[in-house]
Amino acid sequence: MAAALLVPAAAMAAGDLARPGFEIGARLGYGFSAGHLGAPQNGTDNDLGDFVSGQWPLWLDLGYRLTGAFYLGAYFQYGFGTVNDDQQNGCRNANVDCSASDARLGLMGRYQFAQVWLIRPWVGFGAGYEWGTFSVHQSAFGNTNTDSTWSGFELANFQAGADFHVASKIVLGPFISVSLGEFRRTSTTTSNGNMSTTNDQDLAKRSLHEWIMFGARIAFMP
């Protein structure tokens, strides 16, 4: 029985399952936050986790597989943030609604190792730009909206995973990523009815923050 399973696996490993061509993929999972936001002049360098403890990302990959092992492409991720109500006390009020999001856009490369039985492990590296938003909507005395956005570079995004072929051109498998980012600018917009004010500031103190993500990836191979 074991021999019957190993024979087709060895045959699959002997061939190059991924030809050169365009590849598209999507990922779902969860990410934990760590590190600090940075601060403007005379401001406080708060923990990212004091505002957003995590996020549920929707991640898209689009690129070109240069060979069976090397891939180069772009990625876009939009995450629905988990607000830390324990630290943001006002968000627990009945007339206050808080929300958060995180968006990342960048370039990445990936190297895929030789197949081991039915699994092909891979590692990747990327870098890009990031926008994190924290919004507060208050309806007690009129409708007041406050949207705070931090933006800056995603300096490094380390990734690893494994692909399992569920069909000849479709792979599915787990992934994990650890990203290092540095916000450089903040913008806060407050609106009430027809009135709106925006305050933009460069961050005098720049700090590193991290996202540790894990989940599942599906990709359509060339």
N, C-alpha and C. Protein backbone atom coordinates (compact mmCIF):
# COMPACT_ATOMS: atom_id res chain seq x y z
N MET A 1 0.84 -1.21 0.00
CA MET A 1 0.00 0.00 0.00
C MET A 1 0.87 1.26 0.00
N ALA A 2 1.91 1.27 0.87
CA ALA A 2 2.81 2.42 0.93
C ALA A 2 3.52 2.63 -0.38
N ALA A 3 3.92 1.52 -1.02
CA ALA A 3 4.61 1.63 -2.31
C ALA A 3 3.70 2.22 -3.36
N ALA A 4 2.43 1.87 -3.31
CA ALA A 4 1.48 2.40 -4.29
C ALA A 4 1.32 3.90 -4.15
N LEU A 5 1.44 4.41 -2.90
CA LEU A 5 1.33 5.85 -2.69
C LEU A 5 2.60 6.58 -3.08
N LEU A 6 3.75 5.94 -2.85
CA LEU A 6 5.02 6.59 -3.10
C LEU A 6 5.35 6.69 -4.58
N VAL A 7 4.89 5.74 -5.38
CA VAL A 7 5.21 5.74 -6.80
C VAL A 7 4.66 6.97 -7.51
N PRO A 8 3.35 7.29 -7.39
CA PRO A 8 2.87 8.51 -8.04
C PRO A 8 3.48 9.76 -7.45
N ALA A 9 3.79 9.76 -6.15
CA ALA A 9 4.41 10.93 -5.55
C ALA A 9 5.79 11.17 -6.15
N ALA A 10 6.55 10.08 -6.34
CA ALA A 10 7.88 10.22 -6.93
C ALA A 10 7.79 10.69 -8.37
N ALA A 11 6.77 10.23 -9.07
CA ALA A 11 6.59 10.66 -10.46
C ALA A 11 6.27 12.14 -10.54
N MET A 12 5.46 12.63 -9.59
CA MET A 12 5.14 14.05 -9.56
C MET A 12 6.35 14.88 -9.21
N ALA A 13 7.19 14.37 -8.29
CA ALA A 13 8.37 15.12 -7.88
C ALA A 13 9.37 15.21 -9.00
N ALA A 14 9.42 14.21 -9.86
CA ALA A 14 10.39 14.20 -10.94
C ALA A 14 10.10 15.26 -11.98
N GLY A 15 8.85 15.64 -12.14
CA GLY A 15 8.48 16.63 -13.14
C GLY A 15 8.44 18.02 -12.56
N ASP A 16 8.60 19.00 -13.42
CA ASP A 16 8.49 20.39 -12.98
C ASP A 16 7.03 20.79 -13.12
N LEU A 17 6.30 20.84 -11.99
CA LEU A 17 4.86 21.03 -12.03
C LEU A 17 4.46 22.44 -12.44
N ALA A 18 5.36 23.40 -12.23
CA ALA A 18 5.02 24.79 -12.52
C ALA A 18 5.82 25.26 -13.73
N ARG A 19 5.14 25.57 -14.80
CA ARG A 19 5.81 26.10 -15.98
C ARG A 19 5.91 27.62 -15.87
N PRO A 20 6.78 28.24 -16.66
CA PRO A 20 6.81 29.71 -16.68
C PRO A 20 5.47 30.26 -17.16
N GLY A 21 5.07 31.38 -16.58
CA GLY A 21 3.80 32.01 -16.95
C GLY A 21 3.21 32.77 -15.79
N PHE A 22 2.05 33.39 -16.04
CA PHE A 22 1.39 34.19 -15.01
C PHE A 22 0.74 33.30 -13.96
N GLU A 23 0.80 33.80 -12.72
CA GLU A 23 0.23 33.08 -11.58
C GLU A 23 -0.57 34.06 -10.74
N ILE A 24 -1.73 33.64 -10.28
CA ILE A 24 -2.57 34.47 -9.41
C ILE A 24 -2.91 33.66 -8.17
N GLY A 25 -2.91 34.33 -7.03
CA GLY A 25 -3.21 33.64 -5.78
C GLY A 25 -3.98 34.50 -4.81
N ALA A 26 -4.56 33.87 -3.81
CA ALA A 26 -5.32 34.58 -2.77
C ALA A 26 -5.04 33.90 -1.43
N ARG A 27 -5.09 34.71 -0.37
CA ARG A 27 -4.82 34.19 0.96
C ARG A 27 -5.85 34.72 1.96
N LEU A 28 -6.12 33.89 2.96
CA LEU A 28 -6.96 34.26 4.09
C LEU A 28 -6.25 33.80 5.36
N GLY A 29 -6.50 34.50 6.46
CA GLY A 29 -5.87 34.09 7.70
C GLY A 29 -6.14 35.08 8.81
N TYR A 30 -5.18 35.17 9.72
CA TYR A 30 -5.26 36.12 10.83
C TYR A 30 -3.86 36.63 11.13
N GLY A 31 -3.78 37.91 11.55
CA GLY A 31 -2.49 38.50 11.86
C GLY A 31 -2.49 39.16 13.23
N PHE A 32 -1.41 38.97 13.98
CA PHE A 32 -1.22 39.60 15.29
C PHE A 32 -0.32 40.82 15.13
N SER A 33 -0.63 41.87 15.87
CA SER A 33 0.18 43.09 15.80
C SER A 33 1.22 43.12 16.91
N ALA A 34 2.30 43.86 16.65
CA ALA A 34 3.36 44.07 17.64
C ALA A 34 4.09 45.35 17.29
N GLY A 35 4.86 45.88 18.24
CA GLY A 35 5.65 47.08 17.97
C GLY A 35 4.90 48.36 18.25
N HIS A 36 5.44 49.46 17.72
CA HIS A 36 4.94 50.80 18.03
C HIS A 36 4.56 51.57 16.77
N LEU A 37 3.73 52.60 16.96
CA LEU A 37 3.24 53.42 15.86
C LEU A 37 4.20 54.52 15.45
N GLY A 38 5.06 54.98 16.36
CA GLY A 38 5.80 56.21 16.13
C GLY A 38 5.00 57.39 16.68
N ALA A 39 5.60 58.58 16.65
CA ALA A 39 4.92 59.73 17.26
C ALA A 39 5.37 61.03 16.61
N PRO A 40 4.45 62.02 16.51
CA PRO A 40 4.84 63.36 16.07
C PRO A 40 5.63 64.07 17.17
N GLN A 41 6.06 65.29 16.87
CA GLN A 41 6.83 66.06 17.85
C GLN A 41 6.04 66.21 19.15
N ASN A 42 6.67 65.88 20.28
CA ASN A 42 6.06 65.97 21.61
C ASN A 42 4.89 65.02 21.79
N GLY A 43 4.75 64.03 20.90
CA GLY A 43 3.66 63.06 21.02
C GLY A 43 4.13 61.79 21.73
N THR A 44 3.20 60.87 21.95
CA THR A 44 3.47 59.60 22.62
C THR A 44 3.57 58.48 21.61
N ASP A 45 4.62 57.70 21.72
CA ASP A 45 4.83 56.55 20.83
C ASP A 45 4.04 55.37 21.38
N ASN A 46 2.79 55.24 20.93
CA ASN A 46 1.91 54.20 21.46
C ASN A 46 2.17 52.85 20.81
N ASP A 47 1.82 51.80 21.54
CA ASP A 47 1.85 50.45 20.97
C ASP A 47 0.78 50.32 19.89
N LEU A 48 1.13 49.69 18.78
CA LEU A 48 0.13 49.40 17.76
C LEU A 48 -1.00 48.56 18.33
N GLY A 49 -0.63 47.61 19.22
CA GLY A 49 -1.64 46.74 19.81
C GLY A 49 -2.60 47.43 20.75
N ASP A 50 -2.27 48.65 21.21
CA ASP A 50 -3.22 49.40 22.04
C ASP A 50 -4.44 49.83 21.23
N PHE A 51 -4.26 49.94 19.92
CA PHE A 51 -5.36 50.33 19.04
C PHE A 51 -5.93 49.12 18.30
N VAL A 52 -5.04 48.34 17.71
CA VAL A 52 -5.47 47.20 16.89
C VAL A 52 -4.68 45.97 17.34
N SER A 53 -5.38 45.00 17.91
CA SER A 53 -4.69 43.81 18.41
C SER A 53 -4.41 42.81 17.31
N GLY A 54 -5.14 42.89 16.21
CA GLY A 54 -4.93 41.95 15.11
C GLY A 54 -5.76 42.36 13.91
N GLN A 55 -5.71 41.53 12.89
CA GLN A 55 -6.49 41.80 11.68
C GLN A 55 -6.80 40.50 10.94
N TRP A 56 -7.89 40.56 10.15
CA TRP A 56 -8.28 39.47 9.25
C TRP A 56 -7.97 39.91 7.83
N PRO A 57 -6.87 39.44 7.25
CA PRO A 57 -6.46 39.96 5.94
C PRO A 57 -7.09 39.22 4.76
N LEU A 58 -7.37 39.97 3.71
CA LEU A 58 -7.68 39.44 2.39
C LEU A 58 -6.49 39.80 1.50
N TRP A 59 -5.78 38.81 1.01
CA TRP A 59 -4.47 39.02 0.37
C TRP A 59 -4.52 38.47 -1.05
N LEU A 60 -4.09 39.28 -2.01
CA LEU A 60 -4.04 38.87 -3.41
C LEU A 60 -2.60 38.93 -3.92
N ASP A 61 -2.21 37.90 -4.66
CA ASP A 61 -0.90 37.84 -5.31
C ASP A 61 -1.11 37.78 -6.82
N LEU A 62 -0.28 38.52 -7.56
CA LEU A 62 -0.32 38.46 -9.02
C LEU A 62 1.10 38.63 -9.53
N GLY A 63 1.57 37.66 -10.30
CA GLY A 63 2.93 37.76 -10.78
C GLY A 63 3.25 36.78 -11.88
N TYR A 64 4.53 36.63 -12.11
CA TYR A 64 5.00 35.78 -13.22
C TYR A 64 5.99 34.77 -12.66
N ARG A 65 5.76 33.52 -12.98
CA ARG A 65 6.69 32.46 -12.59
C ARG A 65 7.76 32.35 -13.66
N LEU A 66 8.98 32.78 -13.30
CA LEU A 66 10.07 32.82 -14.27
C LEU A 66 10.55 31.43 -14.65
N THR A 67 10.60 30.54 -13.65
CA THR A 67 10.93 29.13 -13.86
C THR A 67 10.03 28.33 -12.95
N GLY A 68 10.29 27.03 -12.86
CA GLY A 68 9.51 26.22 -11.94
C GLY A 68 9.74 26.58 -10.49
N ALA A 69 10.86 27.27 -10.19
CA ALA A 69 11.21 27.58 -8.80
C ALA A 69 11.08 29.05 -8.45
N PHE A 70 11.32 29.94 -9.41
CA PHE A 70 11.38 31.38 -9.11
C PHE A 70 10.11 32.10 -9.58
N TYR A 71 9.59 32.93 -8.68
CA TYR A 71 8.38 33.72 -8.94
C TYR A 71 8.66 35.16 -8.56
N LEU A 72 8.18 36.11 -9.35
CA LEU A 72 8.29 37.54 -9.04
C LEU A 72 6.94 38.18 -9.32
N GLY A 73 6.45 38.99 -8.37
CA GLY A 73 5.14 39.58 -8.57
C GLY A 73 4.81 40.68 -7.58
N ALA A 74 3.55 41.06 -7.58
CA ALA A 74 3.03 42.12 -6.71
C ALA A 74 2.00 41.52 -5.76
N TYR A 75 1.80 42.19 -4.63
CA TYR A 75 0.78 41.75 -3.68
C TYR A 75 0.00 42.95 -3.18
N PHE A 76 -1.26 42.69 -2.86
CA PHE A 76 -2.11 43.69 -2.22
C PHE A 76 -2.87 43.00 -1.11
N GLN A 77 -2.89 43.64 0.05
CA GLN A 77 -3.60 43.07 1.19
C GLN A 77 -4.45 44.14 1.86
N TYR A 78 -5.70 43.79 2.15
CA TYR A 78 -6.58 44.65 2.93
C TYR A 78 -7.03 43.85 4.14
N GLY A 79 -6.79 44.40 5.33
CA GLY A 79 -7.15 43.69 6.54
C GLY A 79 -8.21 44.41 7.35
N PHE A 80 -9.16 43.66 7.87
CA PHE A 80 -10.18 44.18 8.77
C PHE A 80 -9.65 44.07 10.20
N GLY A 81 -9.40 45.22 10.82
CA GLY A 81 -8.74 45.24 12.11
C GLY A 81 -9.62 44.83 13.27
N THR A 82 -8.99 44.25 14.29
CA THR A 82 -9.65 43.93 15.55
C THR A 82 -9.31 45.01 16.57
N VAL A 83 -10.28 45.85 16.89
CA VAL A 83 -10.05 46.98 17.80
C VAL A 83 -9.84 46.46 19.22
N ASN A 84 -8.84 47.02 19.89
CA ASN A 84 -8.55 46.65 21.27
C ASN A 84 -9.42 47.49 22.21
N ASP A 85 -10.61 46.99 22.51
CA ASP A 85 -11.54 47.72 23.37
C ASP A 85 -11.03 47.85 24.80
N ASP A 86 -10.14 46.96 25.22
CA ASP A 86 -9.62 47.04 26.58
C ASP A 86 -8.78 48.29 26.78
N GLN A 87 -8.10 48.72 25.72
CA GLN A 87 -7.27 49.92 25.80
C GLN A 87 -8.00 51.17 25.31
N GLN A 88 -8.92 51.00 24.38
CA GLN A 88 -9.70 52.13 23.86
C GLN A 88 -11.05 52.13 24.57
N ASN A 89 -11.06 52.69 25.77
CA ASN A 89 -12.25 52.62 26.62
C ASN A 89 -13.47 53.26 25.97
N GLY A 90 -13.27 54.36 25.23
CA GLY A 90 -14.41 55.03 24.61
C GLY A 90 -15.13 54.18 23.60
N CYS A 91 -14.44 53.20 23.04
CA CYS A 91 -15.06 52.36 22.02
C CYS A 91 -16.10 51.41 22.59
N ARG A 92 -16.12 51.28 23.93
CA ARG A 92 -17.11 50.41 24.55
C ARG A 92 -18.44 51.11 24.79
N ASN A 93 -18.48 52.43 24.59
CA ASN A 93 -19.74 53.16 24.78
C ASN A 93 -20.75 52.79 23.70
N ALA A 94 -22.04 52.80 24.09
CA ALA A 94 -23.08 52.38 23.17
C ALA A 94 -23.21 53.30 21.97
N ASN A 95 -22.87 54.58 22.14
CA ASN A 95 -23.05 55.54 21.06
C ASN A 95 -21.76 55.77 20.27
N VAL A 96 -20.77 54.90 20.49
CA VAL A 96 -19.48 55.03 19.78
C VAL A 96 -19.19 53.75 19.02
N ASP A 97 -18.81 53.91 17.77
CA ASP A 97 -18.46 52.77 16.93
C ASP A 97 -17.02 52.95 16.43
N CYS A 98 -16.15 52.02 16.74
CA CYS A 98 -14.75 52.09 16.33
C CYS A 98 -14.45 50.98 15.32
N SER A 99 -13.61 51.30 14.38
CA SER A 99 -13.20 50.31 13.39
C SER A 99 -11.76 50.58 12.98
N ALA A 100 -11.14 49.58 12.38
CA ALA A 100 -9.74 49.72 11.97
C ALA A 100 -9.51 48.89 10.71
N SER A 101 -8.50 49.30 9.95
CA SER A 101 -8.15 48.56 8.74
C SER A 101 -6.66 48.75 8.48
N ASP A 102 -6.12 47.87 7.66
CA ASP A 102 -4.71 47.96 7.28
C ASP A 102 -4.59 47.52 5.83
N ALA A 103 -3.91 48.32 5.02
CA ALA A 103 -3.72 48.00 3.60
C ALA A 103 -2.23 48.02 3.29
N ARG A 104 -1.80 47.05 2.50
CA ARG A 104 -0.40 46.96 2.10
C ARG A 104 -0.31 46.65 0.61
N LEU A 105 0.66 47.27 -0.03
CA LEU A 105 0.89 47.07 -1.47
C LEU A 105 2.38 46.99 -1.70
N GLY A 106 2.83 45.99 -2.46
CA GLY A 106 4.27 45.87 -2.65
C GLY A 106 4.66 44.84 -3.68
N LEU A 107 5.96 44.58 -3.76
CA LEU A 107 6.53 43.60 -4.66
C LEU A 107 7.17 42.48 -3.84
N MET A 108 7.17 41.28 -4.40
CA MET A 108 7.75 40.16 -3.68
C MET A 108 8.35 39.15 -4.64
N GLY A 109 9.30 38.39 -4.14
CA GLY A 109 9.85 37.26 -4.86
C GLY A 109 9.65 36.00 -4.03
N ARG A 110 9.64 34.85 -4.71
CA ARG A 110 9.42 33.59 -4.01
C ARG A 110 10.28 32.51 -4.65
N TYR A 111 10.84 31.66 -3.80
CA TYR A 111 11.59 30.51 -4.29
C TYR A 111 10.93 29.24 -3.78
N GLN A 112 10.70 28.30 -4.69
CA GLN A 112 10.03 27.05 -4.33
C GLN A 112 11.03 25.90 -4.39
N PHE A 113 11.09 25.15 -3.31
CA PHE A 113 12.03 24.04 -3.22
C PHE A 113 11.48 22.81 -3.95
N ALA A 114 12.35 21.82 -4.08
CA ALA A 114 11.95 20.58 -4.73
C ALA A 114 10.82 19.91 -3.93
N GLN A 115 10.00 19.19 -4.64
CA GLN A 115 8.84 18.56 -4.02
C GLN A 115 9.26 17.42 -3.10
N VAL A 116 8.64 17.39 -1.93
CA VAL A 116 8.84 16.31 -0.97
C VAL A 116 7.52 15.57 -0.84
N TRP A 117 7.46 14.39 -1.40
CA TRP A 117 6.23 13.62 -1.54
C TRP A 117 5.20 14.48 -2.27
N LEU A 118 4.13 14.94 -1.63
CA LEU A 118 3.12 15.74 -2.34
C LEU A 118 3.21 17.23 -2.00
N ILE A 119 4.20 17.64 -1.25
CA ILE A 119 4.32 19.01 -0.76
C ILE A 119 5.52 19.70 -1.38
N ARG A 120 5.32 20.97 -1.80
CA ARG A 120 6.44 21.78 -2.27
C ARG A 120 6.59 23.00 -1.35
N PRO A 121 7.57 22.99 -0.46
CA PRO A 121 7.78 24.15 0.43
C PRO A 121 8.36 25.33 -0.34
N TRP A 122 8.13 26.54 0.18
CA TRP A 122 8.63 27.74 -0.46
C TRP A 122 8.95 28.81 0.59
N VAL A 123 9.80 29.75 0.20
CA VAL A 123 10.10 30.92 1.02
C VAL A 123 9.98 32.16 0.13
N GLY A 124 9.64 33.29 0.74
CA GLY A 124 9.47 34.52 -0.04
C GLY A 124 9.91 35.75 0.74
N PHE A 125 10.14 36.82 -0.01
CA PHE A 125 10.52 38.09 0.59
C PHE A 125 9.88 39.22 -0.20
N GLY A 126 9.34 40.21 0.51
CA GLY A 126 8.71 41.34 -0.16
C GLY A 126 8.94 42.64 0.58
N ALA A 127 8.58 43.74 -0.06
CA ALA A 127 8.66 45.07 0.55
C ALA A 127 7.67 45.97 -0.18
N GLY A 128 7.16 46.99 0.52
CA GLY A 128 6.18 47.86 -0.12
C GLY A 128 5.80 49.04 0.74
N TYR A 129 4.51 49.40 0.70
CA TYR A 129 3.98 50.55 1.43
C TYR A 129 2.74 50.12 2.19
N GLU A 130 2.48 50.80 3.31
CA GLU A 130 1.39 50.40 4.19
C GLU A 130 0.59 51.61 4.66
N TRP A 131 -0.73 51.41 4.78
CA TRP A 131 -1.63 52.42 5.34
C TRP A 131 -2.46 51.76 6.43
N GLY A 132 -2.40 52.29 7.65
CA GLY A 132 -3.22 51.79 8.74
C GLY A 132 -4.21 52.86 9.18
N THR A 133 -5.46 52.50 9.35
CA THR A 133 -6.51 53.48 9.67
C THR A 133 -7.29 53.05 10.92
N PHE A 134 -7.54 54.02 11.78
CA PHE A 134 -8.37 53.81 12.97
C PHE A 134 -9.47 54.86 12.95
N SER A 135 -10.72 54.43 12.97
CA SER A 135 -11.87 55.34 12.82
C SER A 135 -12.77 55.27 14.04
N VAL A 136 -13.27 56.45 14.45
CA VAL A 136 -14.20 56.54 15.57
C VAL A 136 -15.42 57.32 15.11
N HIS A 137 -16.58 56.69 15.22
CA HIS A 137 -17.85 57.35 14.87
C HIS A 137 -18.66 57.52 16.15
N GLN A 138 -19.01 58.77 16.46
CA GLN A 138 -19.77 59.08 17.68
C GLN A 138 -21.10 59.71 17.29
N SER A 139 -22.18 59.17 17.84
CA SER A 139 -23.51 59.64 17.46
C SER A 139 -24.28 60.28 18.61
N ALA A 140 -23.63 60.54 19.75
CA ALA A 140 -24.36 61.09 20.90
C ALA A 140 -24.76 62.53 20.67
N PHE A 141 -23.84 63.38 20.24
CA PHE A 141 -24.13 64.80 20.02
C PHE A 141 -23.83 65.11 18.56
N GLY A 142 -24.77 64.81 17.69
CA GLY A 142 -24.52 64.91 16.27
C GLY A 142 -23.71 63.71 15.83
N ASN A 143 -23.33 63.71 14.59
CA ASN A 143 -22.51 62.62 14.06
C ASN A 143 -21.09 63.12 13.83
N THR A 144 -20.19 62.70 14.67
CA THR A 144 -18.79 63.10 14.56
C THR A 144 -17.94 61.91 14.17
N ASN A 145 -17.19 62.05 13.10
CA ASN A 145 -16.30 60.99 12.62
C ASN A 145 -14.85 61.45 12.72
N THR A 146 -14.01 60.61 13.28
CA THR A 146 -12.57 60.88 13.35
C THR A 146 -11.83 59.72 12.72
N ASP A 147 -11.10 60.00 11.64
CA ASP A 147 -10.34 58.99 10.92
C ASP A 147 -8.85 59.33 11.03
N SER A 148 -8.09 58.45 11.66
CA SER A 148 -6.65 58.64 11.80
C SER A 148 -5.93 57.59 10.94
N THR A 149 -5.03 58.07 10.09
CA THR A 149 -4.30 57.18 9.19
C THR A 149 -2.80 57.34 9.40
N TRP A 150 -2.12 56.21 9.57
CA TRP A 150 -0.66 56.18 9.61
C TRP A 150 -0.18 55.54 8.30
N SER A 151 0.84 56.10 7.72
CA SER A 151 1.35 55.56 6.46
C SER A 151 2.88 55.52 6.49
N GLY A 152 3.43 54.56 5.79
CA GLY A 152 4.88 54.42 5.74
C GLY A 152 5.28 53.16 5.02
N PHE A 153 6.56 52.84 5.08
CA PHE A 153 7.10 51.73 4.31
C PHE A 153 7.00 50.41 5.06
N GLU A 154 6.64 49.39 4.33
CA GLU A 154 6.82 48.02 4.81
C GLU A 154 8.24 47.63 4.38
N LEU A 155 9.14 47.61 5.33
CA LEU A 155 10.56 47.45 5.01
C LEU A 155 10.91 46.03 4.60
N ALA A 156 10.26 45.06 5.19
CA ALA A 156 10.57 43.67 4.89
C ALA A 156 9.38 42.79 5.23
N ASN A 157 9.12 41.84 4.36
CA ASN A 157 8.03 40.88 4.58
C ASN A 157 8.57 39.48 4.30
N PHE A 158 8.86 38.75 5.38
CA PHE A 158 9.40 37.39 5.26
C PHE A 158 8.25 36.39 5.24
N GLN A 159 8.29 35.46 4.30
CA GLN A 159 7.19 34.52 4.14
C GLN A 159 7.71 33.09 3.97
N ALA A 160 6.88 32.15 4.36
CA ALA A 160 7.18 30.74 4.14
C ALA A 160 5.86 29.99 4.04
N GLY A 161 5.89 28.88 3.33
CA GLY A 161 4.67 28.10 3.18
C GLY A 161 4.94 26.79 2.47
N ALA A 162 3.86 26.11 2.13
CA ALA A 162 3.96 24.83 1.43
C ALA A 162 2.75 24.70 0.51
N ASP A 163 2.97 24.18 -0.69
CA ASP A 163 1.92 24.00 -1.68
C ASP A 163 1.58 22.53 -1.84
N PHE A 164 0.30 22.26 -1.87
CA PHE A 164 -0.21 20.91 -2.13
C PHE A 164 -1.09 20.99 -3.37
N HIS A 165 -0.80 20.19 -4.38
CA HIS A 165 -1.55 20.23 -5.64
C HIS A 165 -2.88 19.50 -5.48
N VAL A 166 -3.96 20.29 -5.47
CA VAL A 166 -5.30 19.70 -5.43
C VAL A 166 -5.81 19.43 -6.84
N ALA A 167 -5.16 20.04 -7.84
CA ALA A 167 -5.43 19.78 -9.26
C ALA A 167 -4.14 20.10 -10.00
N SER A 168 -4.12 19.83 -11.30
CA SER A 168 -2.88 19.98 -12.05
C SER A 168 -2.35 21.41 -12.03
N LYS A 169 -3.24 22.40 -11.96
CA LYS A 169 -2.82 23.80 -11.98
C LYS A 169 -3.33 24.59 -10.78
N ILE A 170 -3.75 23.92 -9.73
CA ILE A 170 -4.26 24.58 -8.53
C ILE A 170 -3.53 24.02 -7.31
N VAL A 171 -2.98 24.94 -6.49
CA VAL A 171 -2.31 24.51 -5.27
C VAL A 171 -2.98 25.17 -4.07
N LEU A 172 -2.91 24.48 -2.94
CA LEU A 172 -3.50 24.96 -1.70
C LEU A 172 -2.55 24.57 -0.58
N GLY A 173 -2.37 25.48 0.38
CA GLY A 173 -1.49 25.15 1.48
C GLY A 173 -1.38 26.26 2.50
N PRO A 174 -0.69 25.99 3.61
CA PRO A 174 -0.53 26.98 4.68
C PRO A 174 0.58 27.97 4.36
N PHE A 175 0.52 29.12 5.02
CA PHE A 175 1.60 30.10 4.92
C PHE A 175 1.73 30.82 6.25
N ILE A 176 2.90 31.41 6.46
CA ILE A 176 3.15 32.30 7.59
C ILE A 176 4.00 33.45 7.09
N SER A 177 3.76 34.64 7.61
CA SER A 177 4.55 35.80 7.21
C SER A 177 4.82 36.68 8.42
N VAL A 178 5.99 37.30 8.42
CA VAL A 178 6.37 38.26 9.44
C VAL A 178 6.85 39.51 8.73
N SER A 179 6.16 40.63 8.96
CA SER A 179 6.51 41.87 8.27
C SER A 179 7.01 42.91 9.26
N LEU A 180 7.96 43.72 8.80
CA LEU A 180 8.50 44.83 9.58
C LEU A 180 8.17 46.13 8.86
N GLY A 181 7.48 47.03 9.53
CA GLY A 181 7.08 48.29 8.93
C GLY A 181 7.48 49.47 9.77
N GLU A 182 7.49 50.64 9.12
CA GLU A 182 7.83 51.89 9.82
C GLU A 182 6.93 53.00 9.29
N PHE A 183 5.99 53.44 10.10
CA PHE A 183 5.14 54.56 9.70
C PHE A 183 5.95 55.85 9.74
N ARG A 184 5.68 56.74 8.77
CA ARG A 184 6.43 57.99 8.67
C ARG A 184 5.55 59.23 8.72
N ARG A 185 4.24 59.02 8.57
CA ARG A 185 3.34 60.17 8.49
C ARG A 185 1.99 59.78 9.07
N THR A 186 1.33 60.76 9.67
CA THR A 186 -0.02 60.53 10.19
C THR A 186 -0.95 61.64 9.72
N SER A 187 -2.20 61.28 9.48
CA SER A 187 -3.21 62.24 9.05
C SER A 187 -4.49 61.96 9.81
N THR A 188 -5.07 63.01 10.42
CA THR A 188 -6.31 62.87 11.19
C THR A 188 -7.36 63.81 10.62
N THR A 189 -8.48 63.24 10.22
CA THR A 189 -9.60 64.01 9.68
C THR A 189 -10.80 63.89 10.61
N THR A 190 -11.31 65.04 11.04
CA THR A 190 -12.51 65.08 11.89
C THR A 190 -13.61 65.79 11.15
N SER A 191 -14.76 65.15 11.08
CA SER A 191 -15.89 65.73 10.35
C SER A 191 -17.15 65.67 11.20
N ASN A 192 -17.96 66.72 11.07
CA ASN A 192 -19.24 66.81 11.76
C ASN A 192 -20.18 67.57 10.84
N GLY A 193 -21.12 66.83 10.24
CA GLY A 193 -22.00 67.45 9.27
C GLY A 193 -21.23 67.91 8.05
N ASN A 194 -21.36 69.19 7.71
CA ASN A 194 -20.65 69.74 6.55
C ASN A 194 -19.27 70.28 6.88
N MET A 195 -18.89 70.21 8.16
CA MET A 195 -17.59 70.74 8.57
C MET A 195 -16.58 69.61 8.68
N SER A 196 -15.37 69.88 8.20
CA SER A 196 -14.31 68.88 8.23
C SER A 196 -12.96 69.56 8.36
N THR A 197 -12.10 69.01 9.21
CA THR A 197 -10.74 69.52 9.38
C THR A 197 -9.76 68.35 9.28
N THR A 198 -8.59 68.61 8.69
CA THR A 198 -7.56 67.58 8.53
C THR A 198 -6.23 68.09 9.07
N ASN A 199 -5.58 67.27 9.83
CA ASN A 199 -4.28 67.61 10.39
C ASN A 199 -3.26 66.57 9.94
N ASP A 200 -2.28 66.97 9.12
CA ASP A 200 -1.23 66.08 8.63
C ASP A 200 0.07 66.39 9.36
N GLN A 201 0.76 65.32 9.78
CA GLN A 201 2.02 65.51 10.49
C GLN A 201 3.02 64.43 10.09
N ASP A 202 4.28 64.83 9.98
CA ASP A 202 5.36 63.85 9.86
C ASP A 202 5.69 63.34 11.26
N LEU A 203 6.06 62.08 11.34
CA LEU A 203 6.39 61.50 12.62
C LEU A 203 7.84 61.82 12.97
N ALA A 204 8.04 62.55 14.07
CA ALA A 204 9.39 62.89 14.50
C ALA A 204 10.10 61.66 15.07
N LYS A 205 9.35 60.81 15.74
CA LYS A 205 9.90 59.55 16.25
C LYS A 205 9.35 58.40 15.42
N ARG A 206 10.24 57.66 14.78
CA ARG A 206 9.83 56.54 13.95
C ARG A 206 10.19 55.23 14.63
N SER A 207 9.23 54.34 14.69
CA SER A 207 9.42 53.07 15.38
C SER A 207 9.01 51.92 14.47
N LEU A 208 9.54 50.76 14.75
CA LEU A 208 9.17 49.57 13.98
C LEU A 208 7.92 48.93 14.57
N HIS A 209 7.10 48.41 13.69
CA HIS A 209 5.98 47.58 14.11
C HIS A 209 5.97 46.31 13.26
N GLU A 210 5.28 45.32 13.74
CA GLU A 210 5.29 44.02 13.06
C GLU A 210 3.87 43.47 12.92
N TRP A 211 3.70 42.67 11.88
CA TRP A 211 2.50 41.85 11.72
C TRP A 211 2.96 40.40 11.56
N ILE A 212 2.43 39.52 12.41
CA ILE A 212 2.72 38.09 12.32
C ILE A 212 1.45 37.41 11.84
N MET A 213 1.48 36.92 10.61
CA MET A 213 0.27 36.38 9.98
C MET A 213 0.43 34.90 9.65
N PHE A 214 -0.68 34.19 9.71
CA PHE A 214 -0.70 32.80 9.28
C PHE A 214 -2.07 32.52 8.67
N GLY A 215 -2.13 31.54 7.80
CA GLY A 215 -3.40 31.22 7.16
C GLY A 215 -3.22 30.24 6.02
N ALA A 216 -4.13 30.33 5.06
CA ALA A 216 -4.14 29.42 3.92
C ALA A 216 -4.03 30.21 2.62
N ARG A 217 -3.36 29.60 1.66
CA ARG A 217 -3.13 30.24 0.35
C ARG A 217 -3.59 29.29 -0.75
N ILE A 218 -4.27 29.87 -1.76
CA ILE A 218 -4.63 29.13 -2.96
C ILE A 218 -4.04 29.86 -4.15
N ALA A 219 -3.52 29.12 -5.11
CA ALA A 219 -2.91 29.74 -6.28
C ALA A 219 -3.26 28.95 -7.53
N PHE A 220 -3.41 29.70 -8.62
CA PHE A 220 -3.69 29.11 -9.93
C PHE A 220 -2.43 29.23 -10.77
N MET A 221 -1.84 28.10 -11.07
CA MET A 221 -0.53 28.04 -11.71
C MET A 221 -0.64 28.17 -13.22
N PRO A 222 0.47 28.55 -13.90
CA PRO A 222 0.46 28.62 -15.37
C PRO A 222 0.40 27.23 -15.99
